[in-house]
Amino acid sequence: FLLTVIAALLAAQGAYFKSGVIFVIGSLFDALDGTVAR
């Protein structure tokens, strides 16, 4: 979630590529949380 907030702040500043990279990294954490729990 925090990485997505950082991605949103970067997007608001117009740094779309950096925002996308951070968002993809954050998405990996989102994909892992349920798997780690299971």
Full PDB file with SEQRES, HELIX, SHEET, SSBOND, CRYST1, ORIGX, SCALE, CONECT and MASTER records, all heavy atoms in Angstrom:
SEQRES   1 A   38  PHE LEU LEU THR VAL ILE ALA ALA LEU LEU ALA ALA GLN          
SEQRES   2 A   38  GLY ALA TYR PHE LYS SER GLY VAL ILE PHE VAL ILE GLY          
SEQRES   3 A   38  SER LEU PHE ASP ALA LEU ASP GLY THR VAL ALA ARG              
HELIX    1 AA1 LEU A    2  ALA A   12  1                                  11    
HELIX    2 AA2 TYR A   16  ALA A   37  1                                  22    
CRYST1    1.000    1.000    1.000  90.00  90.00  90.00 P 1           1          
ORIGX1      1.000000  0.000000  0.000000        0.00000                         
ORIGX2      0.000000  1.000000  0.000000        0.00000                         
ORIGX3      0.000000  0.000000  1.000000        0.00000                         
SCALE1      1.000000  0.000000  0.000000        0.00000                         
SCALE2      0.000000  1.000000  0.000000        0.00000                         
SCALE3      0.000000  0.000000  1.000000        0.00000                         
ATOM      1  N   PHE A   1       0.829  -1.202   0.000  1.00  0.00           N  
ATOM      2  CA  PHE A   1       0.000   0.000   0.000  1.00  0.00           C  
ATOM      3  C   PHE A   1       0.864   1.252   0.000  1.00  0.00           C  
ATOM      4  O   PHE A   1       0.616   2.188  -0.761  1.00  0.00           O  
ATOM      5  CB  PHE A   1      -0.935   0.004   1.210  1.00  0.00           C  
ATOM      6  CG  PHE A   1      -1.697   1.286   1.367  1.00  0.00           C  
ATOM      7  CD1 PHE A   1      -2.734   1.600   0.510  1.00  0.00           C  
ATOM      8  CD2 PHE A   1      -1.363   2.193   2.357  1.00  0.00           C  
ATOM      9  CE1 PHE A   1      -3.435   2.790   0.637  1.00  0.00           C  
ATOM     10  CE2 PHE A   1      -2.048   3.384   2.502  1.00  0.00           C  
ATOM     11  CZ  PHE A   1      -3.090   3.686   1.628  1.00  0.00           C  
ATOM     12  N   LEU A   2       1.891   1.280   0.847  1.00  0.00           N  
ATOM     13  CA  LEU A   2       2.769   2.454   0.914  1.00  0.00           C  
ATOM     14  C   LEU A   2       3.501   2.691  -0.404  1.00  0.00           C  
ATOM     15  O   LEU A   2       3.669   3.838  -0.835  1.00  0.00           O  
ATOM     16  CB  LEU A   2       3.762   2.311   2.070  1.00  0.00           C  
ATOM     17  CG  LEU A   2       3.141   2.340   3.468  1.00  0.00           C  
ATOM     18  CD1 LEU A   2       4.199   2.063   4.532  1.00  0.00           C  
ATOM     19  CD2 LEU A   2       2.435   3.665   3.731  1.00  0.00           C  
ATOM     20  N   LEU A   3       3.901   1.625  -1.069  1.00  0.00           N  
ATOM     21  CA  LEU A   3       4.539   1.773  -2.382  1.00  0.00           C  
ATOM     22  C   LEU A   3       3.559   2.347  -3.407  1.00  0.00           C  
ATOM     23  O   LEU A   3       3.929   3.150  -4.261  1.00  0.00           O  
ATOM     24  CB  LEU A   3       5.110   0.438  -2.857  1.00  0.00           C  
ATOM     25  CG  LEU A   3       6.380  -0.018  -2.133  1.00  0.00           C  
ATOM     26  CD1 LEU A   3       6.739  -1.444  -2.519  1.00  0.00           C  
ATOM     27  CD2 LEU A   3       7.538   0.927  -2.436  1.00  0.00           C  
ATOM     28  N   THR A   4       2.302   1.954  -3.308  1.00  0.00           N  
ATOM     29  CA  THR A   4       1.298   2.511  -4.207  1.00  0.00           C  
ATOM     30  C   THR A   4       1.077   3.991  -3.927  1.00  0.00           C  
ATOM     31  O   THR A   4       0.875   4.780  -4.853  1.00  0.00           O  
ATOM     32  CB  THR A   4      -0.028   1.730  -4.091  1.00  0.00           C  
ATOM     33  OG1 THR A   4       0.224   0.355  -4.385  1.00  0.00           O  
ATOM     34  CG2 THR A   4      -1.072   2.258  -5.061  1.00  0.00           C  
ATOM     35  N   VAL A   5       1.124   4.390  -2.663  1.00  0.00           N  
ATOM     36  CA  VAL A   5       1.009   5.818  -2.324  1.00  0.00           C  
ATOM     37  C   VAL A   5       2.183   6.586  -2.935  1.00  0.00           C  
ATOM     38  O   VAL A   5       2.000   7.669  -3.509  1.00  0.00           O  
ATOM     39  CB  VAL A   5       0.944   6.021  -0.793  1.00  0.00           C  
ATOM     40  CG1 VAL A   5       1.069   7.486  -0.421  1.00  0.00           C  
ATOM     41  CG2 VAL A   5      -0.356   5.442  -0.240  1.00  0.00           C  
ATOM     42  N   ILE A   6       3.384   6.025  -2.858  1.00  0.00           N  
ATOM     43  CA  ILE A   6       4.552   6.662  -3.477  1.00  0.00           C  
ATOM     44  C   ILE A   6       4.359   6.754  -4.986  1.00  0.00           C  
ATOM     45  O   ILE A   6       4.650   7.791  -5.601  1.00  0.00           O  
ATOM     46  CB  ILE A   6       5.838   5.898  -3.117  1.00  0.00           C  
ATOM     47  CG1 ILE A   6       6.132   6.053  -1.623  1.00  0.00           C  
ATOM     48  CG2 ILE A   6       7.027   6.374  -3.956  1.00  0.00           C  
ATOM     49  CD1 ILE A   6       7.206   5.125  -1.103  1.00  0.00           C  
ATOM     50  N   ALA A   7       3.840   5.687  -5.592  1.00  0.00           N  
ATOM     51  CA  ALA A   7       3.571   5.696  -7.032  1.00  0.00           C  
ATOM     52  C   ALA A   7       2.558   6.780  -7.381  1.00  0.00           C  
ATOM     53  O   ALA A   7       2.699   7.474  -8.399  1.00  0.00           O  
ATOM     54  CB  ALA A   7       3.066   4.324  -7.495  1.00  0.00           C  
ATOM     55  N   ALA A   8       1.552   6.969  -6.543  1.00  0.00           N  
ATOM     56  CA  ALA A   8       0.543   8.002  -6.782  1.00  0.00           C  
ATOM     57  C   ALA A   8       1.162   9.395  -6.699  1.00  0.00           C  
ATOM     58  O   ALA A   8       0.856  10.271  -7.518  1.00  0.00           O  
ATOM     59  CB  ALA A   8      -0.602   7.869  -5.779  1.00  0.00           C  
ATOM     60  N   LEU A   9       2.031   9.599  -5.719  1.00  0.00           N  
ATOM     61  CA  LEU A   9       2.693  10.897  -5.592  1.00  0.00           C  
ATOM     62  C   LEU A   9       3.577  11.179  -6.804  1.00  0.00           C  
ATOM     63  O   LEU A   9       3.612  12.311  -7.311  1.00  0.00           O  
ATOM     64  CB  LEU A   9       3.522  10.943  -4.302  1.00  0.00           C  
ATOM     65  CG  LEU A   9       2.720  10.943  -3.004  1.00  0.00           C  
ATOM     66  CD1 LEU A   9       3.653  10.755  -1.804  1.00  0.00           C  
ATOM     67  CD2 LEU A   9       1.908  12.219  -2.870  1.00  0.00           C  
ATOM     68  N   LEU A  10       4.278  10.171  -7.275  1.00  0.00           N  
ATOM     69  CA  LEU A  10       5.101  10.343  -8.476  1.00  0.00           C  
ATOM     70  C   LEU A  10       4.240  10.631  -9.700  1.00  0.00           C  
ATOM     71  O   LEU A  10       4.592  11.471 -10.531  1.00  0.00           O  
ATOM     72  CB  LEU A  10       5.966   9.098  -8.707  1.00  0.00           C  
ATOM     73  CG  LEU A  10       7.115   8.903  -7.722  1.00  0.00           C  
ATOM     74  CD1 LEU A  10       7.717   7.508  -7.867  1.00  0.00           C  
ATOM     75  CD2 LEU A  10       8.177   9.971  -7.932  1.00  0.00           C  
ATOM     76  N   ALA A  11       3.104   9.956  -9.801  1.00  0.00           N  
ATOM     77  CA  ALA A  11       2.197  10.209 -10.928  1.00  0.00           C  
ATOM     78  C   ALA A  11       1.662  11.625 -10.873  1.00  0.00           C  
ATOM     79  O   ALA A  11       1.546  12.299 -11.902  1.00  0.00           O  
ATOM     80  CB  ALA A  11       1.045   9.198 -10.919  1.00  0.00           C  
ATOM     81  N   ALA A  12       1.356  12.112  -9.680  1.00  0.00           N  
ATOM     82  CA  ALA A  12       0.853  13.480  -9.527  1.00  0.00           C  
ATOM     83  C   ALA A  12       1.899  14.505  -9.955  1.00  0.00           C  
ATOM     84  O   ALA A  12       1.555  15.604 -10.390  1.00  0.00           O  
ATOM     85  CB  ALA A  12       0.435  13.726  -8.077  1.00  0.00           C  
ATOM     86  N   GLN A  13       3.177  14.145  -9.851  1.00  0.00           N  
ATOM     87  CA  GLN A  13       4.253  15.034 -10.267  1.00  0.00           C  
ATOM     88  C   GLN A  13       4.606  14.869 -11.738  1.00  0.00           C  
ATOM     89  O   GLN A  13       5.500  15.540 -12.235  1.00  0.00           O  
ATOM     90  CB  GLN A  13       5.498  14.790  -9.406  1.00  0.00           C  
ATOM     91  CG  GLN A  13       5.290  15.108  -7.951  1.00  0.00           C  
ATOM     92  CD  GLN A  13       6.452  14.654  -7.085  1.00  0.00           C  
ATOM     93  OE1 GLN A  13       7.394  14.019  -7.545  1.00  0.00           O  
ATOM     94  NE2 GLN A  13       6.385  14.992  -5.802  1.00  0.00           N  
ATOM     95  N   GLY A  14       3.937  13.946 -12.409  1.00  0.00           N  
ATOM     96  CA  GLY A  14       4.179  13.725 -13.830  1.00  0.00           C  
ATOM     97  C   GLY A  14       5.291  12.731 -14.126  1.00  0.00           C  
ATOM     98  O   GLY A  14       5.670  12.545 -15.277  1.00  0.00           O  
ATOM     99  N   ALA A  15       5.824  12.076 -13.109  1.00  0.00           N  
ATOM    100  CA  ALA A  15       6.883  11.081 -13.297  1.00  0.00           C  
ATOM    101  C   ALA A  15       6.233   9.714 -13.516  1.00  0.00           C  
ATOM    102  O   ALA A  15       6.299   8.824 -12.663  1.00  0.00           O  
ATOM    103  CB  ALA A  15       7.811  11.067 -12.087  1.00  0.00           C  
ATOM    104  N   TYR A  16       5.609   9.551 -14.680  1.00  0.00           N  
ATOM    105  CA  TYR A  16       4.794   8.369 -14.929  1.00  0.00           C  
ATOM    106  C   TYR A  16       5.604   7.081 -15.020  1.00  0.00           C  
ATOM    107  O   TYR A  16       5.165   6.035 -14.563  1.00  0.00           O  
ATOM    108  CB  TYR A  16       3.947   8.556 -16.180  1.00  0.00           C  
ATOM    109  CG  TYR A  16       2.978   9.695 -16.037  1.00  0.00           C  
ATOM    110  CD1 TYR A  16       3.113  10.847 -16.809  1.00  0.00           C  
ATOM    111  CD2 TYR A  16       1.957   9.646 -15.093  1.00  0.00           C  
ATOM    112  CE1 TYR A  16       2.227  11.905 -16.660  1.00  0.00           C  
ATOM    113  CE2 TYR A  16       1.075  10.692 -14.934  1.00  0.00           C  
ATOM    114  CZ  TYR A  16       1.221  11.815 -15.723  1.00  0.00           C  
ATOM    115  OH  TYR A  16       0.354  12.857 -15.562  1.00  0.00           O  
ATOM    116  N   PHE A  17       6.798   7.141 -15.613  1.00  0.00           N  
ATOM    117  CA  PHE A  17       7.603   5.922 -15.718  1.00  0.00           C  
ATOM    118  C   PHE A  17       8.019   5.448 -14.329  1.00  0.00           C  
ATOM    119  O   PHE A  17       7.873   4.271 -13.998  1.00  0.00           O  
ATOM    120  CB  PHE A  17       8.833   6.145 -16.607  1.00  0.00           C  
ATOM    121  CG  PHE A  17       9.672   4.910 -16.747  1.00  0.00           C  
ATOM    122  CD1 PHE A  17       9.272   3.892 -17.601  1.00  0.00           C  
ATOM    123  CD2 PHE A  17      10.826   4.738 -16.003  1.00  0.00           C  
ATOM    124  CE1 PHE A  17      10.017   2.729 -17.715  1.00  0.00           C  
ATOM    125  CE2 PHE A  17      11.580   3.582 -16.106  1.00  0.00           C  
ATOM    126  CZ  PHE A  17      11.182   2.570 -16.977  1.00  0.00           C  
ATOM    127  N   LYS A  18       8.557   6.362 -13.515  1.00  0.00           N  
ATOM    128  CA  LYS A  18       8.949   6.003 -12.147  1.00  0.00           C  
ATOM    129  C   LYS A  18       7.739   5.500 -11.364  1.00  0.00           C  
ATOM    130  O   LYS A  18       7.832   4.537 -10.610  1.00  0.00           O  
ATOM    131  CB  LYS A  18       9.560   7.199 -11.432  1.00  0.00           C  
ATOM    132  CG  LYS A  18      10.923   7.584 -11.946  1.00  0.00           C  
ATOM    133  CD  LYS A  18      11.435   8.803 -11.201  1.00  0.00           C  
ATOM    134  CE  LYS A  18      12.759   9.273 -11.775  1.00  0.00           C  
ATOM    135  NZ  LYS A  18      13.236  10.491 -11.114  1.00  0.00           N  
ATOM    136  N   SER A  19       6.617   6.165 -11.550  1.00  0.00           N  
ATOM    137  CA  SER A  19       5.387   5.759 -10.885  1.00  0.00           C  
ATOM    138  C   SER A  19       5.014   4.328 -11.268  1.00  0.00           C  
ATOM    139  O   SER A  19       4.659   3.521 -10.405  1.00  0.00           O  
ATOM    140  CB  SER A  19       4.255   6.716 -11.256  1.00  0.00           C  
ATOM    141  OG  SER A  19       3.023   6.256 -10.743  1.00  0.00           O  
ATOM    142  N   GLY A  20       5.108   4.017 -12.543  1.00  0.00           N  
ATOM    143  CA  GLY A  20       4.782   2.676 -13.021  1.00  0.00           C  
ATOM    144  C   GLY A  20       5.693   1.610 -12.450  1.00  0.00           C  
ATOM    145  O   GLY A  20       5.237   0.529 -12.058  1.00  0.00           O  
ATOM    146  N   VAL A  21       6.997   1.927 -12.371  1.00  0.00           N  
ATOM    147  CA  VAL A  21       7.959   0.967 -11.817  1.00  0.00           C  
ATOM    148  C   VAL A  21       7.642   0.699 -10.346  1.00  0.00           C  
ATOM    149  O   VAL A  21       7.584  -0.465  -9.908  1.00  0.00           O  
ATOM    150  CB  VAL A  21       9.408   1.483 -11.993  1.00  0.00           C  
ATOM    151  CG1 VAL A  21      10.393   0.622 -11.209  1.00  0.00           C  
ATOM    152  CG2 VAL A  21       9.785   1.512 -13.471  1.00  0.00           C  
ATOM    153  N   ILE A  22       7.422   1.763  -9.581  1.00  0.00           N  
ATOM    154  CA  ILE A  22       7.100   1.604  -8.154  1.00  0.00           C  
ATOM    155  C   ILE A  22       5.780   0.854  -7.989  1.00  0.00           C  
ATOM    156  O   ILE A  22       5.638  -0.004  -7.114  1.00  0.00           O  
ATOM    157  CB  ILE A  22       7.035   2.978  -7.448  1.00  0.00           C  
ATOM    158  CG1 ILE A  22       8.392   3.675  -7.495  1.00  0.00           C  
ATOM    159  CG2 ILE A  22       6.548   2.841  -6.004  1.00  0.00           C  
ATOM    160  CD1 ILE A  22       9.502   2.972  -6.761  1.00  0.00           C  
ATOM    161  N   PHE A  23       4.805   1.145  -8.851  1.00  0.00           N  
ATOM    162  CA  PHE A  23       3.515   0.456  -8.771  1.00  0.00           C  
ATOM    163  C   PHE A  23       3.672  -1.042  -9.020  1.00  0.00           C  
ATOM    164  O   PHE A  23       3.066  -1.863  -8.320  1.00  0.00           O  
ATOM    165  CB  PHE A  23       2.513   1.061  -9.759  1.00  0.00           C  
ATOM    166  CG  PHE A  23       1.200   0.338  -9.769  1.00  0.00           C  
ATOM    167  CD1 PHE A  23       0.325   0.459  -8.707  1.00  0.00           C  
ATOM    168  CD2 PHE A  23       0.862  -0.480 -10.828  1.00  0.00           C  
ATOM    169  CE1 PHE A  23      -0.887  -0.220  -8.701  1.00  0.00           C  
ATOM    170  CE2 PHE A  23      -0.333  -1.161 -10.826  1.00  0.00           C  
ATOM    171  CZ  PHE A  23      -1.213  -1.033  -9.762  1.00  0.00           C  
ATOM    172  N   VAL A  24       4.490  -1.416 -10.005  1.00  0.00           N  
ATOM    173  CA  VAL A  24       4.705  -2.837 -10.292  1.00  0.00           C  
ATOM    174  C   VAL A  24       5.367  -3.523  -9.101  1.00  0.00           C  
ATOM    175  O   VAL A  24       4.988  -4.645  -8.727  1.00  0.00           O  
ATOM    176  CB  VAL A  24       5.537  -3.018 -11.584  1.00  0.00           C  
ATOM    177  CG1 VAL A  24       6.022  -4.446 -11.742  1.00  0.00           C  
ATOM    178  CG2 VAL A  24       4.712  -2.598 -12.795  1.00  0.00           C  
ATOM    179  N   ILE A  25       6.338  -2.862  -8.482  1.00  0.00           N  
ATOM    180  CA  ILE A  25       6.981  -3.430  -7.297  1.00  0.00           C  
ATOM    181  C   ILE A  25       5.957  -3.592  -6.168  1.00  0.00           C  
ATOM    182  O   ILE A  25       5.903  -4.627  -5.499  1.00  0.00           O  
ATOM    183  CB  ILE A  25       8.177  -2.569  -6.850  1.00  0.00           C  
ATOM    184  CG1 ILE A  25       9.273  -2.619  -7.917  1.00  0.00           C  
ATOM    185  CG2 ILE A  25       8.722  -3.044  -5.500  1.00  0.00           C  
ATOM    186  CD1 ILE A  25      10.372  -1.589  -7.740  1.00  0.00           C  
ATOM    187  N   GLY A  26       5.116  -2.575  -5.975  1.00  0.00           N  
ATOM    188  CA  GLY A  26       4.071  -2.659  -4.960  1.00  0.00           C  
ATOM    189  C   GLY A  26       3.083  -3.779  -5.252  1.00  0.00           C  
ATOM    190  O   GLY A  26       2.584  -4.442  -4.338  1.00  0.00           O  
ATOM    191  N   SER A  27       2.808  -3.996  -6.537  1.00  0.00           N  
ATOM    192  CA  SER A  27       1.889  -5.072  -6.921  1.00  0.00           C  
ATOM    193  C   SER A  27       2.458  -6.443  -6.581  1.00  0.00           C  
ATOM    194  O   SER A  27       1.707  -7.369  -6.266  1.00  0.00           O  
ATOM    195  CB  SER A  27       1.589  -4.996  -8.421  1.00  0.00           C  
ATOM    196  OG  SER A  27       0.903  -3.801  -8.709  1.00  0.00           O  
ATOM    197  N   LEU A  28       3.785  -6.565  -6.640  1.00  0.00           N  
ATOM    198  CA  LEU A  28       4.409  -7.831  -6.256  1.00  0.00           C  
ATOM    199  C   LEU A  28       4.140  -8.117  -4.774  1.00  0.00           C  
ATOM    200  O   LEU A  28       3.816  -9.245  -4.404  1.00  0.00           O  
ATOM    201  CB  LEU A  28       5.911  -7.793  -6.526  1.00  0.00           C  
ATOM    202  CG  LEU A  28       6.696  -9.024  -6.095  1.00  0.00           C  
ATOM    203  CD1 LEU A  28       6.232 -10.269  -6.839  1.00  0.00           C  
ATOM    204  CD2 LEU A  28       8.180  -8.811  -6.316  1.00  0.00           C  
ATOM    205  N   PHE A  29       4.244  -7.085  -3.943  1.00  0.00           N  
ATOM    206  CA  PHE A  29       3.938  -7.264  -2.525  1.00  0.00           C  
ATOM    207  C   PHE A  29       2.480  -7.674  -2.346  1.00  0.00           C  
ATOM    208  O   PHE A  29       2.160  -8.517  -1.524  1.00  0.00           O  
ATOM    209  CB  PHE A  29       4.229  -5.981  -1.734  1.00  0.00           C  
ATOM    210  CG  PHE A  29       5.678  -5.776  -1.433  1.00  0.00           C  
ATOM    211  CD1 PHE A  29       6.501  -5.131  -2.335  1.00  0.00           C  
ATOM    212  CD2 PHE A  29       6.222  -6.238  -0.246  1.00  0.00           C  
ATOM    213  CE1 PHE A  29       7.839  -4.940  -2.063  1.00  0.00           C  
ATOM    214  CE2 PHE A  29       7.566  -6.059   0.040  1.00  0.00           C  
ATOM    215  CZ  PHE A  29       8.379  -5.406  -0.885  1.00  0.00           C  
ATOM    216  N   ASP A  30       1.598  -7.066  -3.140  1.00  0.00           N  
ATOM    217  CA  ASP A  30       0.178  -7.400  -3.047  1.00  0.00           C  
ATOM    218  C   ASP A  30      -0.079  -8.844  -3.474  1.00  0.00           C  
ATOM    219  O   ASP A  30      -0.930  -9.520  -2.911  1.00  0.00           O  
ATOM    220  CB  ASP A  30      -0.641  -6.431  -3.902  1.00  0.00           C  
ATOM    221  CG  ASP A  30      -2.124  -6.632  -3.710  1.00  0.00           C  
ATOM    222  OD1 ASP A  30      -2.574  -6.770  -2.549  1.00  0.00           O  
ATOM    223  OD2 ASP A  30      -2.854  -6.669  -4.722  1.00  0.00           O  
ATOM    224  N   ALA A  31       0.672  -9.306  -4.469  1.00  0.00           N  
ATOM    225  CA  ALA A  31       0.512 -10.692  -4.912  1.00  0.00           C  
ATOM    226  C   ALA A  31       1.060 -11.674  -3.881  1.00  0.00           C  
ATOM    227  O   ALA A  31       0.568 -12.799  -3.753  1.00  0.00           O  
ATOM    228  CB  ALA A  31       1.221 -10.897  -6.251  1.00  0.00           C  
ATOM    229  N   LEU A  32       2.072 -11.233  -3.131  1.00  0.00           N  
ATOM    230  CA  LEU A  32       2.719 -12.130  -2.176  1.00  0.00           C  
ATOM    231  C   LEU A  32       1.993 -12.266  -0.849  1.00  0.00           C  
ATOM    232  O   LEU A  32       2.085 -13.303  -0.196  1.00  0.00           O  
ATOM    233  CB  LEU A  32       4.139 -11.640  -1.897  1.00  0.00           C  
ATOM    234  CG  LEU A  32       5.211 -12.073  -2.871  1.00  0.00           C  
ATOM    235  CD1 LEU A  32       6.509 -11.342  -2.576  1.00  0.00           C  
ATOM    236  CD2 LEU A  32       5.423 -13.568  -2.799  1.00  0.00           C  
ATOM    237  N   ASP A  33       1.278 -11.222  -0.429  1.00  0.00           N  
ATOM    238  CA  ASP A  33       0.727 -11.251   0.929  1.00  0.00           C  
ATOM    239  C   ASP A  33      -0.209 -12.425   1.169  1.00  0.00           C  
ATOM    240  O   ASP A  33      -0.102 -13.119   2.182  1.00  0.00           O  
ATOM    241  CB  ASP A  33       0.092  -9.916   1.325  1.00  0.00           C  
ATOM    242  CG  ASP A  33      -1.034  -9.474   0.397  1.00  0.00           C  
ATOM    243  OD1 ASP A  33      -1.411 -10.230  -0.517  1.00  0.00           O  
ATOM    244  OD2 ASP A  33      -1.519  -8.346   0.583  1.00  0.00           O  
ATOM    245  N   GLY A  34      -1.098 -12.681   0.259  1.00  0.00           N  
ATOM    246  CA  GLY A  34      -2.023 -13.808   0.420  1.00  0.00           C  
ATOM    247  C   GLY A  34      -1.315 -15.149   0.347  1.00  0.00           C  
ATOM    248  O   GLY A  34      -1.651 -16.085   1.081  1.00  0.00           O  
ATOM    249  N   THR A  35      -0.318 -15.231  -0.538  1.00  0.00           N  
ATOM    250  CA  THR A  35       0.431 -16.476  -0.674  1.00  0.00           C  
ATOM    251  C   THR A  35       1.239 -16.758   0.590  1.00  0.00           C  
ATOM    252  O   THR A  35       1.287 -17.894   1.066  1.00  0.00           O  
ATOM    253  CB  THR A  35       1.360 -16.406  -1.907  1.00  0.00           C  
ATOM    254  OG1 THR A  35       0.595 -16.022  -3.048  1.00  0.00           O  
ATOM    255  CG2 THR A  35       2.017 -17.737  -2.179  1.00  0.00           C  
ATOM    256  N   VAL A  36       1.863 -15.713   1.153  1.00  0.00           N  
ATOM    257  CA  VAL A  36       2.613 -15.882   2.401  1.00  0.00           C  
ATOM    258  C   VAL A  36       1.668 -16.326   3.521  1.00  0.00           C  
ATOM    259  O   VAL A  36       2.007 -17.207   4.318  1.00  0.00           O  
ATOM    260  CB  VAL A  36       3.363 -14.575   2.782  1.00  0.00           C  
ATOM    261  CG1 VAL A  36       3.897 -14.640   4.204  1.00  0.00           C  
ATOM    262  CG2 VAL A  36       4.501 -14.321   1.808  1.00  0.00           C  
ATOM    263  N   ALA A  37       0.479 -15.740   3.573  1.00  0.00           N  
ATOM    264  CA  ALA A  37      -0.494 -16.132   4.604  1.00  0.00           C  
ATOM    265  C   ALA A  37      -0.886 -17.600   4.452  1.00  0.00           C  
ATOM    266  O   ALA A  37      -0.954 -18.340   5.441  1.00  0.00           O  
ATOM    267  CB  ALA A  37      -1.724 -15.234   4.535  1.00  0.00           C  
ATOM    268  N   ARG A  38      -1.139 -18.022   3.215  1.00  0.00           N  
ATOM    269  CA  ARG A  38      -1.536 -19.408   2.971  1.00  0.00           C  
ATOM    270  C   ARG A  38      -0.395 -20.373   3.278  1.00  0.00           C  
ATOM    271  O   ARG A  38      -0.575 -21.358   3.995  1.00  0.00           O  
ATOM    272  CB  ARG A  38      -1.966 -19.589   1.516  1.00  0.00           C  
ATOM    273  CG  ARG A  38      -3.424 -19.666   1.306  1.00  0.00           C  
ATOM    274  CD  ARG A  38      -3.826 -20.046  -0.111  1.00  0.00           C  
ATOM    275  NE  ARG A  38      -2.961 -19.556  -1.176  1.00  0.00           N  
ATOM    276  CZ  ARG A  38      -3.006 -18.324  -1.702  1.00  0.00           C  
ATOM    277  NH1 ARG A  38      -3.850 -17.445  -1.228  1.00  0.00           N  
ATOM    278  NH2 ARG A  38      -2.205 -17.977  -2.670  1.00  0.00           N  
TER     279      ARG A  38                                                      
MASTER        0    0    0    2    0    0    0    6  278    1    0    3          
END                                                                             
